[in-house]
Amino acid sequence: MGIGDFIQNQILRMKWLESLIHSLITSLGLDTTARIGGSIQFFLYDVIKITVLLCVLIFIISYIQSYFPPERSKKIMGRFHGIGANTVAALLGTVTPFCSCSSIPIFIGFTSAGLPLGVTFSFLISSPMVDLGSLVLLMSIFGAKIAIVYVIVGLIIAVIGGTIIEKLHLENELEDVVKSALKAGSVDITAPDLTQEDRLIFSKDQVMETFKKVFPYILLGVGIGALIHNWIPESWIETVLGSKNPFGVILATLIGVPMYADIFGTIPVAEALLGKGALLGTVLSFMMAVTTLSLPSMIMLRKAVKPKLLGIFIVICTLGITIVGYGFNLAQGLFI
């Protein structure tokens, strides 16, 4: 076994943990090939694996994030112009909070601080969709090739989406509360000087805070995944989300929009759907829709932007997600 296979199988996928749980369940007299035993194994394995990866990743990413507070990110983005600024904003989005609701207050701060509207939207799109945590977790389940391409296309959507919004000159579509802050020039995005101890404490606090917020969705997502994996007939999934349904991508995107979860709660569902015959692009479209266009985050964003801008944002993201979904479906043979 090469070092790459070892990292993929034993560190990211934690095959040793799967074997351990399998031995534990069979020692209790349960058959893991049966529905109940299989559901228990799926649930325990995914909950433990995702929780461990979650805590480790949040600590590492939060430590990195401590070097990029909003004020510093604003200064970095302010040095670039045009599509370069959109690209930098999208990349900075990968080291910020793990869900869209957490990203929106930072987006409002950036917009109020005078950054171009399209640049701030590139950040808003990429932040929940393609954070570094999603890259590693996707690698743990789907492999490096799919994970890297997912992140790349997510960044492309963020850059193109922000660029389109910038070209449309929609600054008048901001709500008055953001306009007032922009005119006043007073935005609370200071950049405190942190010691190494401060950064470690910040990272630990972020782990605890995010874990408390995310863990219920992990349980819910893994529970749904276990249900799909062991109880729902494969023919059903293939009919609705497989090659038999040319509208599967659109359906998956529309189903994902009203839901609220983060990448950590969505991936177990995606894993189970893919295992049951759903097409890869359809599954990825579902994940992108849940993490980027959830109804609660759209309600929060509506407080900062007017309906026209909100509608354009939703249309751009939905079109991008749909195109990515069909593209992955057509090229599925290259990845699986």
C-alpha atoms as a PDB file:
ATOM      1  CA  MET A   1       0.000   0.000   0.000  1.00  0.00           C
ATOM      2  CA  GLY A   2       1.412   3.389  -1.041  1.00  0.00           C
ATOM      3  CA  ILE A   3       1.457   6.443   1.184  1.00  0.00           C
ATOM      4  CA  GLY A   4      -1.413   7.972  -0.817  1.00  0.00           C
ATOM      5  CA  ASP A   5      -3.606   4.919  -0.334  1.00  0.00           C
ATOM      6  CA  PHE A   6      -2.725   4.824   3.361  1.00  0.00           C
ATOM      7  CA  ILE A   7      -3.757   8.452   3.854  1.00  0.00           C
ATOM      8  CA  GLN A   8      -6.938   7.972   1.843  1.00  0.00           C
ATOM      9  CA  ASN A   9      -8.060   4.716   3.441  1.00  0.00           C
ATOM     10  CA  GLN A  10      -6.701   4.737   6.985  1.00  0.00           C
ATOM     11  CA  ILE A  11      -6.606   8.455   7.860  1.00  0.00           C
ATOM     12  CA  LEU A  12      -9.389  10.058   5.833  1.00  0.00           C
ATOM     13  CA  ARG A  13     -11.779   7.144   5.367  1.00  0.00           C
ATOM     14  CA  MET A  14     -10.728   5.503   8.668  1.00  0.00           C
ATOM     15  CA  LYS A  15     -11.157   1.963   7.375  1.00  0.00           C
ATOM     16  CA  TRP A  16      -9.698   0.741  10.663  1.00  0.00           C
ATOM     17  CA  LEU A  17     -12.657   2.335  12.450  1.00  0.00           C
ATOM     18  CA  GLU A  18     -15.112   0.668  10.079  1.00  0.00           C
ATOM     19  CA  SER A  19     -13.500  -2.730  10.777  1.00  0.00           C
ATOM     20  CA  LEU A  20     -13.563  -2.072  14.526  1.00  0.00           C
ATOM     21  CA  ILE A  21     -17.267  -1.163  14.514  1.00  0.00           C
ATOM     22  CA  HIS A  22     -18.030  -4.151  12.292  1.00  0.00           C
ATOM     23  CA  SER A  23     -16.311  -6.485  14.785  1.00  0.00           C
ATOM     24  CA  LEU A  24     -18.136  -4.859  17.708  1.00  0.00           C
ATOM     25  CA  ILE A  25     -21.558  -5.191  16.068  1.00  0.00           C
ATOM     26  CA  THR A  26     -21.028  -8.790  14.987  1.00  0.00           C
ATOM     27  CA  SER A  27     -19.808  -9.666  18.488  1.00  0.00           C
ATOM     28  CA  LEU A  28     -23.212  -8.525  19.738  1.00  0.00           C
ATOM     29  CA  GLY A  29     -24.892 -11.016  17.413  1.00  0.00           C
ATOM     30  CA  LEU A  30     -26.046  -8.528  14.748  1.00  0.00           C
ATOM     31  CA  ASP A  31     -25.668  -9.151  11.041  1.00  0.00           C
ATOM     32  CA  THR A  32     -24.221  -6.087   9.306  1.00  0.00           C
ATOM     33  CA  THR A  33     -25.610  -7.283   5.972  1.00  0.00           C
ATOM     34  CA  ALA A  34     -29.131  -7.076   7.377  1.00  0.00           C
ATOM     35  CA  ARG A  35     -31.071  -3.814   7.583  1.00  0.00           C
ATOM     36  CA  ILE A  36     -30.827  -3.202  11.330  1.00  0.00           C
ATOM     37  CA  GLY A  37     -27.197  -4.257  11.706  1.00  0.00           C
ATOM     38  CA  GLY A  38     -26.204  -2.379   8.559  1.00  0.00           C
ATOM     39  CA  SER A  39     -27.993   0.767   9.718  1.00  0.00           C
ATOM     40  CA  ILE A  40     -26.260   0.670  13.104  1.00  0.00           C
ATOM     41  CA  GLN A  41     -22.851   0.168  11.490  1.00  0.00           C
ATOM     42  CA  PHE A  42     -23.427   2.992   8.980  1.00  0.00           C
ATOM     43  CA  PHE A  43     -24.634   5.338  11.719  1.00  0.00           C
ATOM     44  CA  LEU A  44     -21.839   4.679  14.238  1.00  0.00           C
ATOM     45  CA  TYR A  45     -19.070   4.673  11.648  1.00  0.00           C
ATOM     46  CA  ASP A  46     -20.118   7.894   9.909  1.00  0.00           C
ATOM     47  CA  VAL A  47     -20.963   9.804  13.098  1.00  0.00           C
ATOM     48  CA  ILE A  48     -17.610   8.998  14.715  1.00  0.00           C
ATOM     49  CA  LYS A  49     -15.596   9.534  11.525  1.00  0.00           C
ATOM     50  CA  ILE A  50     -17.230  12.839  10.614  1.00  0.00           C
ATOM     51  CA  THR A  51     -17.071  14.130  14.200  1.00  0.00           C
ATOM     52  CA  VAL A  52     -13.348  13.368  14.500  1.00  0.00           C
ATOM     53  CA  LEU A  53     -12.594  14.958  11.130  1.00  0.00           C
ATOM     54  CA  LEU A  54     -14.836  17.903  11.998  1.00  0.00           C
ATOM     55  CA  CYS A  55     -13.033  18.718  15.238  1.00  0.00           C
ATOM     56  CA  VAL A  56      -9.549  18.312  13.760  1.00  0.00           C
ATOM     57  CA  LEU A  57     -10.388  20.336  10.657  1.00  0.00           C
ATOM     58  CA  ILE A  58     -12.107  23.144  12.520  1.00  0.00           C
ATOM     59  CA  PHE A  59      -9.131  23.512  14.835  1.00  0.00           C
ATOM     60  CA  ILE A  60      -6.663  23.682  11.929  1.00  0.00           C
ATOM     61  CA  ILE A  61      -8.816  25.945   9.767  1.00  0.00           C
ATOM     62  CA  SER A  62      -9.673  28.236  12.695  1.00  0.00           C
ATOM     63  CA  TYR A  63      -5.982  28.610  13.423  1.00  0.00           C
ATOM     64  CA  ILE A  64      -5.432  29.617   9.785  1.00  0.00           C
ATOM     65  CA  GLN A  65      -8.501  31.847   9.942  1.00  0.00           C
ATOM     66  CA  SER A  66      -7.031  33.706  12.928  1.00  0.00           C
ATOM     67  CA  TYR A  67      -4.508  35.204  10.497  1.00  0.00           C
ATOM     68  CA  PHE A  68      -7.329  36.469   8.245  1.00  0.00           C
ATOM     69  CA  PRO A  69      -9.752  38.533  10.361  1.00  0.00           C
ATOM     70  CA  PRO A  70     -12.249  40.635   8.388  1.00  0.00           C
ATOM     71  CA  GLU A  71     -10.097  43.768   8.455  1.00  0.00           C
ATOM     72  CA  ARG A  72      -7.065  41.948   7.057  1.00  0.00           C
ATOM     73  CA  SER A  73      -9.210  40.155   4.481  1.00  0.00           C
ATOM     74  CA  LYS A  74     -10.657  43.527   3.463  1.00  0.00           C
ATOM     75  CA  LYS A  75      -7.172  44.951   2.970  1.00  0.00           C
ATOM     76  CA  ILE A  76      -6.089  41.930   0.930  1.00  0.00           C
ATOM     77  CA  MET A  77      -9.140  42.090  -1.323  1.00  0.00           C
ATOM     78  CA  GLY A  78      -8.748  45.866  -1.658  1.00  0.00           C
ATOM     79  CA  ARG A  79      -5.375  45.386  -3.390  1.00  0.00           C
ATOM     80  CA  PHE A  80      -6.949  43.609  -6.333  1.00  0.00           C
ATOM     81  CA  HIS A  81      -9.355  44.725  -9.016  1.00  0.00           C
ATOM     82  CA  GLY A  82     -11.663  43.095 -11.537  1.00  0.00           C
ATOM     83  CA  ILE A  83     -11.773  39.335 -11.775  1.00  0.00           C
ATOM     84  CA  GLY A  84      -8.599  39.131  -9.692  1.00  0.00           C
ATOM     85  CA  ALA A  85     -10.472  40.619  -6.729  1.00  0.00           C
ATOM     86  CA  ASN A  86     -13.312  38.129  -7.213  1.00  0.00           C
ATOM     87  CA  THR A  87     -10.825  35.261  -7.282  1.00  0.00           C
ATOM     88  CA  VAL A  88      -9.092  36.406  -4.095  1.00  0.00           C
ATOM     89  CA  ALA A  89     -12.469  36.858  -2.368  1.00  0.00           C
ATOM     90  CA  ALA A  90     -13.523  33.341  -3.377  1.00  0.00           C
ATOM     91  CA  LEU A  91     -10.232  31.902  -2.094  1.00  0.00           C
ATOM     92  CA  LEU A  92     -10.556  33.782   1.206  1.00  0.00           C
ATOM     93  CA  GLY A  93     -14.030  32.290   1.521  1.00  0.00           C
ATOM     94  CA  THR A  94     -12.436  28.859   1.898  1.00  0.00           C
ATOM     95  CA  VAL A  95     -10.937  29.775   5.295  1.00  0.00           C
ATOM     96  CA  THR A  96     -14.058  31.313   6.809  1.00  0.00           C
ATOM     97  CA  PRO A  97     -17.187  29.922   8.559  1.00  0.00           C
ATOM     98  CA  PHE A  98     -18.710  26.606   7.573  1.00  0.00           C
ATOM     99  CA  CYS A  99     -22.276  27.662   6.770  1.00  0.00           C
ATOM    100  CA  SER A 100     -23.941  30.468   4.843  1.00  0.00           C
ATOM    101  CA  CYS A 101     -25.684  31.931   7.897  1.00  0.00           C
ATOM    102  CA  SER A 102     -22.293  32.475   9.534  1.00  0.00           C
ATOM    103  CA  SER A 103     -20.860  33.993   6.354  1.00  0.00           C
ATOM    104  CA  ILE A 104     -23.616  36.571   5.814  1.00  0.00           C
ATOM    105  CA  PRO A 105     -22.641  38.886   8.732  1.00  0.00           C
ATOM    106  CA  ILE A 106     -19.071  38.995   7.363  1.00  0.00           C
ATOM    107  CA  PHE A 107     -20.465  39.680   3.877  1.00  0.00           C
ATOM    108  CA  ILE A 108     -22.483  42.591   5.291  1.00  0.00           C
ATOM    109  CA  GLY A 109     -19.369  43.912   7.016  1.00  0.00           C
ATOM    110  CA  PHE A 110     -17.334  43.736   3.814  1.00  0.00           C
ATOM    111  CA  THR A 111     -20.089  45.449   1.817  1.00  0.00           C
ATOM    112  CA  SER A 112     -20.525  48.166   4.438  1.00  0.00           C
ATOM    113  CA  ALA A 113     -16.774  48.712   4.436  1.00  0.00           C
ATOM    114  CA  GLY A 114     -16.917  49.728   0.796  1.00  0.00           C
ATOM    115  CA  LEU A 115     -15.664  46.642  -1.009  1.00  0.00           C
ATOM    116  CA  PRO A 116     -17.173  46.166  -4.502  1.00  0.00           C
ATOM    117  CA  LEU A 117     -20.486  44.357  -4.363  1.00  0.00           C
ATOM    118  CA  GLY A 118     -19.455  41.635  -6.797  1.00  0.00           C
ATOM    119  CA  VAL A 119     -16.330  40.884  -4.763  1.00  0.00           C
ATOM    120  CA  THR A 120     -18.317  40.429  -1.575  1.00  0.00           C
ATOM    121  CA  PHE A 121     -20.748  38.112  -3.365  1.00  0.00           C
ATOM    122  CA  SER A 122     -17.860  35.960  -4.605  1.00  0.00           C
ATOM    123  CA  PHE A 123     -16.902  35.585  -0.963  1.00  0.00           C
ATOM    124  CA  LEU A 124     -20.497  34.839   0.051  1.00  0.00           C
ATOM    125  CA  ILE A 125     -20.873  32.084  -2.534  1.00  0.00           C
ATOM    126  CA  SER A 126     -17.570  30.334  -1.870  1.00  0.00           C
ATOM    127  CA  SER A 127     -17.560  30.508   1.920  1.00  0.00           C
ATOM    128  CA  PRO A 128     -20.185  27.839   2.655  1.00  0.00           C
ATOM    129  CA  MET A 129     -19.758  25.895  -0.576  1.00  0.00           C
ATOM    130  CA  VAL A 130     -16.019  25.201  -0.762  1.00  0.00           C
ATOM    131  CA  ASP A 131     -14.373  25.631   2.625  1.00  0.00           C
ATOM    132  CA  LEU A 132     -11.243  23.601   3.332  1.00  0.00           C
ATOM    133  CA  GLY A 133     -13.210  21.338   5.637  1.00  0.00           C
ATOM    134  CA  SER A 134     -15.454  20.264   2.778  1.00  0.00           C
ATOM    135  CA  LEU A 135     -12.391  19.438   0.675  1.00  0.00           C
ATOM    136  CA  VAL A 136     -10.960  17.043   3.247  1.00  0.00           C
ATOM    137  CA  LEU A 137     -14.312  15.491   4.134  1.00  0.00           C
ATOM    138  CA  LEU A 138     -15.172  14.999   0.478  1.00  0.00           C
ATOM    139  CA  MET A 139     -11.805  13.315   0.021  1.00  0.00           C
ATOM    140  CA  SER A 140     -12.612  10.973   2.896  1.00  0.00           C
ATOM    141  CA  ILE A 141     -15.752   9.704   1.139  1.00  0.00           C
ATOM    142  CA  PHE A 142     -15.516  10.350  -2.590  1.00  0.00           C
ATOM    143  CA  GLY A 143     -11.750  10.431  -3.120  1.00  0.00           C
ATOM    144  CA  ALA A 144      -9.287  13.190  -3.986  1.00  0.00           C
ATOM    145  CA  LYS A 145     -10.245  13.569  -7.662  1.00  0.00           C
ATOM    146  CA  ILE A 146     -13.914  14.328  -7.012  1.00  0.00           C
ATOM    147  CA  ALA A 147     -13.128  16.528  -3.999  1.00  0.00           C
ATOM    148  CA  ILE A 148     -10.617  18.699  -5.855  1.00  0.00           C
ATOM    149  CA  VAL A 149     -12.858  19.133  -8.912  1.00  0.00           C
ATOM    150  CA  TYR A 150     -15.812  19.961  -6.620  1.00  0.00           C
ATOM    151  CA  VAL A 151     -13.809  22.749  -4.971  1.00  0.00           C
ATOM    152  CA  ILE A 152     -12.540  24.075  -8.302  1.00  0.00           C
ATOM    153  CA  VAL A 153     -16.009  24.294  -9.856  1.00  0.00           C
ATOM    154  CA  GLY A 154     -17.341  25.845  -6.633  1.00  0.00           C
ATOM    155  CA  LEU A 155     -14.696  28.560  -6.859  1.00  0.00           C
ATOM    156  CA  ILE A 156     -15.541  29.084 -10.532  1.00  0.00           C
ATOM    157  CA  ILE A 157     -19.223  29.568  -9.657  1.00  0.00           C
ATOM    158  CA  ALA A 158     -18.212  32.081  -6.967  1.00  0.00           C
ATOM    159  CA  VAL A 159     -15.945  34.058  -9.305  1.00  0.00           C
ATOM    160  CA  ILE A 160     -18.388  34.091 -12.227  1.00  0.00           C
ATOM    161  CA  GLY A 161     -21.380  34.836  -9.985  1.00  0.00           C
ATOM    162  CA  GLY A 162     -19.638  37.751  -8.294  1.00  0.00           C
ATOM    163  CA  THR A 163     -18.396  39.098 -11.636  1.00  0.00           C
ATOM    164  CA  ILE A 164     -21.912  39.049 -13.124  1.00  0.00           C
ATOM    165  CA  ILE A 165     -23.344  40.870 -10.107  1.00  0.00           C
ATOM    166  CA  GLU A 166     -20.546  43.450 -10.363  1.00  0.00           C
ATOM    167  CA  LYS A 167     -21.279  44.075 -14.066  1.00  0.00           C
ATOM    168  CA  LEU A 168     -24.986  44.599 -13.338  1.00  0.00           C
ATOM    169  CA  HIS A 169     -24.230  47.550 -11.007  1.00  0.00           C
ATOM    170  CA  LEU A 170     -26.763  46.640  -8.349  1.00  0.00           C
ATOM    171  CA  GLU A 171     -25.447  48.814  -5.522  1.00  0.00           C
ATOM    172  CA  ASN A 172     -28.846  50.502  -5.267  1.00  0.00           C
ATOM    173  CA  GLU A 173     -30.336  47.108  -4.379  1.00  0.00           C
ATOM    174  CA  LEU A 174     -28.700  47.150  -0.936  1.00  0.00           C
ATOM    175  CA  GLU A 175     -30.985  47.747   2.025  1.00  0.00           C
ATOM    176  CA  ASP A 176     -30.807  51.099   3.808  1.00  0.00           C
ATOM    177  CA  VAL A 177     -29.073  49.662   6.866  1.00  0.00           C
ATOM    178  CA  VAL A 178     -26.097  48.624   4.717  1.00  0.00           C
ATOM    179  CA  LYS A 179     -26.127  51.868   2.738  1.00  0.00           C
ATOM    180  CA  SER A 180     -26.090  53.881   5.958  1.00  0.00           C
ATOM    181  CA  ALA A 181     -23.096  51.975   7.263  1.00  0.00           C
ATOM    182  CA  LEU A 182     -21.370  52.420   3.914  1.00  0.00           C
ATOM    183  CA  LYS A 183     -21.906  56.203   3.950  1.00  0.00           C
ATOM    184  CA  ALA A 184     -20.850  56.480   7.571  1.00  0.00           C
ATOM    185  CA  GLY A 185     -17.732  54.444   6.934  1.00  0.00           C
ATOM    186  CA  SER A 186     -17.965  52.934  10.414  1.00  0.00           C
ATOM    187  CA  VAL A 187     -17.803  49.177  10.401  1.00  0.00           C
ATOM    188  CA  ASP A 188     -16.741  46.994  13.287  1.00  0.00           C
ATOM    189  CA  ILE A 189     -14.156  44.786  11.594  1.00  0.00           C
ATOM    190  CA  THR A 190     -11.037  45.443  13.621  1.00  0.00           C
ATOM    191  CA  ALA A 191      -7.934  43.281  13.348  1.00  0.00           C
ATOM    192  CA  PRO A 192      -6.649  42.509  16.849  1.00  0.00           C
ATOM    193  CA  ASP A 193      -3.085  41.395  17.418  1.00  0.00           C
ATOM    194  CA  LEU A 194      -3.138  37.790  18.588  1.00  0.00           C
ATOM    195  CA  THR A 195      -0.437  35.817  20.319  1.00  0.00           C
ATOM    196  CA  GLN A 196       0.112  32.129  19.593  1.00  0.00           C
ATOM    197  CA  GLU A 197      -1.746  31.335  22.799  1.00  0.00           C
ATOM    198  CA  ASP A 198      -4.638  33.556  21.671  1.00  0.00           C
ATOM    199  CA  ARG A 199      -4.789  31.722  18.353  1.00  0.00           C
ATOM    200  CA  LEU A 200      -4.859  28.324  20.036  1.00  0.00           C
ATOM    201  CA  ILE A 201      -7.597  29.476  22.417  1.00  0.00           C
ATOM    202  CA  PHE A 202      -9.536  30.930  19.484  1.00  0.00           C
ATOM    203  CA  SER A 203      -9.206  27.641  17.586  1.00  0.00           C
ATOM    204  CA  LYS A 204     -10.347  25.609  20.591  1.00  0.00           C
ATOM    205  CA  ASP A 205     -13.335  27.893  21.141  1.00  0.00           C
ATOM    206  CA  GLN A 206     -14.260  27.619  17.470  1.00  0.00           C
ATOM    207  CA  VAL A 207     -14.184  23.824  17.733  1.00  0.00           C
ATOM    208  CA  MET A 208     -16.544  23.858  20.705  1.00  0.00           C
ATOM    209  CA  GLU A 209     -18.877  26.473  19.231  1.00  0.00           C
ATOM    210  CA  THR A 210     -19.070  24.854  15.802  1.00  0.00           C
ATOM    211  CA  PHE A 211     -19.414  21.353  17.241  1.00  0.00           C
ATOM    212  CA  LYS A 212     -22.411  22.375  19.339  1.00  0.00           C
ATOM    213  CA  LYS A 213     -24.033  23.991  16.312  1.00  0.00           C
ATOM    214  CA  VAL A 214     -23.188  21.317  13.753  1.00  0.00           C
ATOM    215  CA  PHE A 215     -23.431  18.026  15.664  1.00  0.00           C
ATOM    216  CA  PRO A 216     -27.257  17.819  15.562  1.00  0.00           C
ATOM    217  CA  TYR A 217     -27.087  18.108  11.771  1.00  0.00           C
ATOM    218  CA  ILE A 218     -24.442  15.390  11.641  1.00  0.00           C
ATOM    219  CA  LEU A 219     -26.748  13.084  13.579  1.00  0.00           C
ATOM    220  CA  LEU A 220     -29.678  14.004  11.336  1.00  0.00           C
ATOM    221  CA  GLY A 221     -27.666  13.679   8.128  1.00  0.00           C
ATOM    222  CA  VAL A 222     -26.122  10.349   9.082  1.00  0.00           C
ATOM    223  CA  GLY A 223     -29.511   9.078  10.247  1.00  0.00           C
ATOM    224  CA  ILE A 224     -31.050   9.948   6.875  1.00  0.00           C
ATOM    225  CA  GLY A 225     -28.044   8.405   5.146  1.00  0.00           C
ATOM    226  CA  ALA A 226     -28.449   5.168   7.113  1.00  0.00           C
ATOM    227  CA  LEU A 227     -32.138   5.089   6.195  1.00  0.00           C
ATOM    228  CA  ILE A 228     -31.380   5.573   2.505  1.00  0.00           C
ATOM    229  CA  HIS A 229     -28.472   3.118   2.573  1.00  0.00           C
ATOM    230  CA  ASN A 230     -30.297   0.226   4.201  1.00  0.00           C
ATOM    231  CA  TRP A 231     -34.047   0.714   3.853  1.00  0.00           C
ATOM    232  CA  ILE A 232     -34.857   2.501   0.581  1.00  0.00           C
ATOM    233  CA  PRO A 233     -34.793   0.272  -2.525  1.00  0.00           C
ATOM    234  CA  GLU A 234     -32.071   1.105  -5.011  1.00  0.00           C
ATOM    235  CA  SER A 235     -34.610   1.157  -7.842  1.00  0.00           C
ATOM    236  CA  TRP A 236     -36.399   4.094  -6.227  1.00  0.00           C
ATOM    237  CA  ILE A 237     -33.254   6.226  -6.058  1.00  0.00           C
ATOM    238  CA  GLU A 238     -32.264   5.295  -9.617  1.00  0.00           C
ATOM    239  CA  THR A 239     -35.722   6.273 -10.867  1.00  0.00           C
ATOM    240  CA  VAL A 240     -35.755   9.670  -9.156  1.00  0.00           C
ATOM    241  CA  LEU A 241     -32.073  10.701  -9.130  1.00  0.00           C
ATOM    242  CA  GLY A 242     -30.430   8.275 -11.545  1.00  0.00           C
ATOM    243  CA  SER A 243     -29.915   8.263 -15.296  1.00  0.00           C
ATOM    244  CA  LYS A 244     -33.578   7.366 -15.818  1.00  0.00           C
ATOM    245  CA  ASN A 245     -34.629  10.892 -14.848  1.00  0.00           C
ATOM    246  CA  PRO A 246     -33.163  13.693 -17.032  1.00  0.00           C
ATOM    247  CA  PHE A 247     -34.519  16.246 -14.557  1.00  0.00           C
ATOM    248  CA  GLY A 248     -32.750  14.671 -11.559  1.00  0.00           C
ATOM    249  CA  VAL A 249     -30.260  17.546 -11.196  1.00  0.00           C
ATOM    250  CA  ILE A 250     -32.993  20.171 -11.179  1.00  0.00           C
ATOM    251  CA  LEU A 251     -35.043  18.132  -8.718  1.00  0.00           C
ATOM    252  CA  ALA A 252     -32.068  17.623  -6.381  1.00  0.00           C
ATOM    253  CA  THR A 253     -31.275  21.344  -6.471  1.00  0.00           C
ATOM    254  CA  LEU A 254     -34.876  22.333  -5.704  1.00  0.00           C
ATOM    255  CA  ILE A 255     -35.044  19.791  -2.864  1.00  0.00           C
ATOM    256  CA  GLY A 256     -31.831  21.149  -1.368  1.00  0.00           C
ATOM    257  CA  VAL A 257     -32.806  24.839  -1.341  1.00  0.00           C
ATOM    258  CA  PRO A 258     -35.394  24.813   1.504  1.00  0.00           C
ATOM    259  CA  MET A 259     -33.180  22.619   3.708  1.00  0.00           C
ATOM    260  CA  TYR A 260     -30.725  23.955   6.274  1.00  0.00           C
ATOM    261  CA  ALA A 261     -27.560  22.038   6.965  1.00  0.00           C
ATOM    262  CA  ASP A 262     -23.840  22.398   6.463  1.00  0.00           C
ATOM    263  CA  ILE A 263     -21.409  20.330   4.473  1.00  0.00           C
ATOM    264  CA  PHE A 264     -20.803  17.968   7.400  1.00  0.00           C
ATOM    265  CA  GLY A 265     -24.454  17.053   7.708  1.00  0.00           C
ATOM    266  CA  THR A 266     -25.033  16.853   3.962  1.00  0.00           C
ATOM    267  CA  ILE A 267     -22.202  14.544   2.918  1.00  0.00           C
ATOM    268  CA  PRO A 268     -23.575  11.387   4.646  1.00  0.00           C
ATOM    269  CA  VAL A 269     -26.820  11.816   2.717  1.00  0.00           C
ATOM    270  CA  ALA A 270     -24.877  12.336  -0.501  1.00  0.00           C
ATOM    271  CA  GLU A 271     -22.766   9.246   0.212  1.00  0.00           C
ATOM    272  CA  ALA A 272     -25.866   7.090   0.687  1.00  0.00           C
ATOM    273  CA  LEU A 273     -27.584   8.477  -2.419  1.00  0.00           C
ATOM    274  CA  LEU A 274     -24.522   7.825  -4.563  1.00  0.00           C
ATOM    275  CA  GLY A 275     -24.253   4.291  -3.205  1.00  0.00           C
ATOM    276  CA  LYS A 276     -27.879   3.653  -4.137  1.00  0.00           C
ATOM    277  CA  GLY A 277     -27.530   4.668  -7.768  1.00  0.00           C
ATOM    278  CA  ALA A 278     -27.948   8.448  -7.850  1.00  0.00           C
ATOM    279  CA  LEU A 279     -25.716  10.156 -10.411  1.00  0.00           C
ATOM    280  CA  LEU A 280     -22.632  11.983  -9.133  1.00  0.00           C
ATOM    281  CA  GLY A 281     -23.575  15.394 -10.535  1.00  0.00           C
ATOM    282  CA  THR A 282     -27.087  15.102  -9.121  1.00  0.00           C
ATOM    283  CA  VAL A 283     -25.685  14.383  -5.667  1.00  0.00           C
ATOM    284  CA  LEU A 284     -23.192  17.267  -5.841  1.00  0.00           C
ATOM    285  CA  SER A 285     -25.953  19.649  -6.972  1.00  0.00           C
ATOM    286  CA  PHE A 286     -27.970  18.657  -3.927  1.00  0.00           C
ATOM    287  CA  MET A 287     -24.985  19.364  -1.648  1.00  0.00           C
ATOM    288  CA  MET A 288     -24.271  22.749  -3.231  1.00  0.00           C
ATOM    289  CA  ALA A 289     -27.910  23.827  -3.010  1.00  0.00           C
ATOM    290  CA  VAL A 290     -28.187  22.888   0.668  1.00  0.00           C
ATOM    291  CA  THR A 291     -24.979  24.647   1.695  1.00  0.00           C
ATOM    292  CA  THR A 292     -25.347  27.767  -0.471  1.00  0.00           C
ATOM    293  CA  LEU A 293     -29.058  28.482  -0.890  1.00  0.00           C
ATOM    294  CA  SER A 294     -30.696  27.275   2.309  1.00  0.00           C
ATOM    295  CA  LEU A 295     -33.931  29.075   3.165  1.00  0.00           C
ATOM    296  CA  PRO A 296     -32.746  30.420   6.566  1.00  0.00           C
ATOM    297  CA  SER A 297     -29.643  31.974   5.011  1.00  0.00           C
ATOM    298  CA  MET A 298     -31.735  33.571   2.250  1.00  0.00           C
ATOM    299  CA  ILE A 299     -34.036  35.081   4.893  1.00  0.00           C
ATOM    300  CA  MET A 300     -30.992  36.509   6.666  1.00  0.00           C
ATOM    301  CA  LEU A 301     -29.511  37.834   3.418  1.00  0.00           C
ATOM    302  CA  ARG A 302     -32.830  39.522   2.604  1.00  0.00           C
ATOM    303  CA  LYS A 303     -32.214  41.860   5.556  1.00  0.00           C
ATOM    304  CA  ALA A 304     -29.169  43.229   3.731  1.00  0.00           C
ATOM    305  CA  VAL A 305     -30.277  43.234   0.088  1.00  0.00           C
ATOM    306  CA  LYS A 306     -33.488  44.036  -1.756  1.00  0.00           C
ATOM    307  CA  PRO A 307     -35.605  41.366  -3.486  1.00  0.00           C
ATOM    308  CA  LYS A 308     -34.191  42.060  -6.961  1.00  0.00           C
ATOM    309  CA  LEU A 309     -30.579  41.465  -5.896  1.00  0.00           C
ATOM    310  CA  LEU A 310     -31.567  38.473  -3.799  1.00  0.00           C
ATOM    311  CA  GLY A 311     -33.424  36.985  -6.760  1.00  0.00           C
ATOM    312  CA  ILE A 312     -30.468  37.522  -9.106  1.00  0.00           C
ATOM    313  CA  PHE A 313     -28.140  35.885  -6.568  1.00  0.00           C
ATOM    314  CA  ILE A 314     -30.431  32.845  -6.290  1.00  0.00           C
ATOM    315  CA  VAL A 315     -30.798  32.549 -10.084  1.00  0.00           C
ATOM    316  CA  ILE A 316     -27.045  32.774 -10.676  1.00  0.00           C
ATOM    317  CA  CYS A 317     -26.256  30.175  -8.020  1.00  0.00           C
ATOM    318  CA  THR A 318     -29.056  27.856  -9.153  1.00  0.00           C
ATOM    319  CA  LEU A 319     -27.944  28.013 -12.798  1.00  0.00           C
ATOM    320  CA  GLY A 320     -24.325  27.435 -11.829  1.00  0.00           C
ATOM    321  CA  ILE A 321     -25.192  24.499  -9.593  1.00  0.00           C
ATOM    322  CA  THR A 322     -27.414  22.975 -12.284  1.00  0.00           C
ATOM    323  CA  ILE A 323     -24.735  23.304 -14.982  1.00  0.00           C
ATOM    324  CA  VAL A 324     -22.164  21.718 -12.666  1.00  0.00           C
ATOM    325  CA  GLY A 325     -24.572  18.881 -11.900  1.00  0.00           C
ATOM    326  CA  TYR A 326     -25.207  18.001 -15.538  1.00  0.00           C
ATOM    327  CA  GLY A 327     -21.504  18.406 -16.310  1.00  0.00           C
ATOM    328  CA  PHE A 328     -20.517  15.927 -13.609  1.00  0.00           C
ATOM    329  CA  ASN A 329     -23.218  13.525 -14.772  1.00  0.00           C
ATOM    330  CA  LEU A 330     -21.876  13.572 -18.323  1.00  0.00           C
ATOM    331  CA  ALA A 331     -18.310  13.052 -17.104  1.00  0.00           C
ATOM    332  CA  GLN A 332     -19.135  10.591 -14.309  1.00  0.00           C
ATOM    333  CA  GLY A 333     -17.097   7.858 -15.964  1.00  0.00           C
ATOM    334  CA  LEU A 334     -13.951   9.924 -15.443  1.00  0.00           C
ATOM    335  CA  PHE A 335     -14.454  10.060 -11.674  1.00  0.00           C
ATOM    336  CA  ILE A 336     -16.070   6.737 -10.679  1.00  0.00           C
END
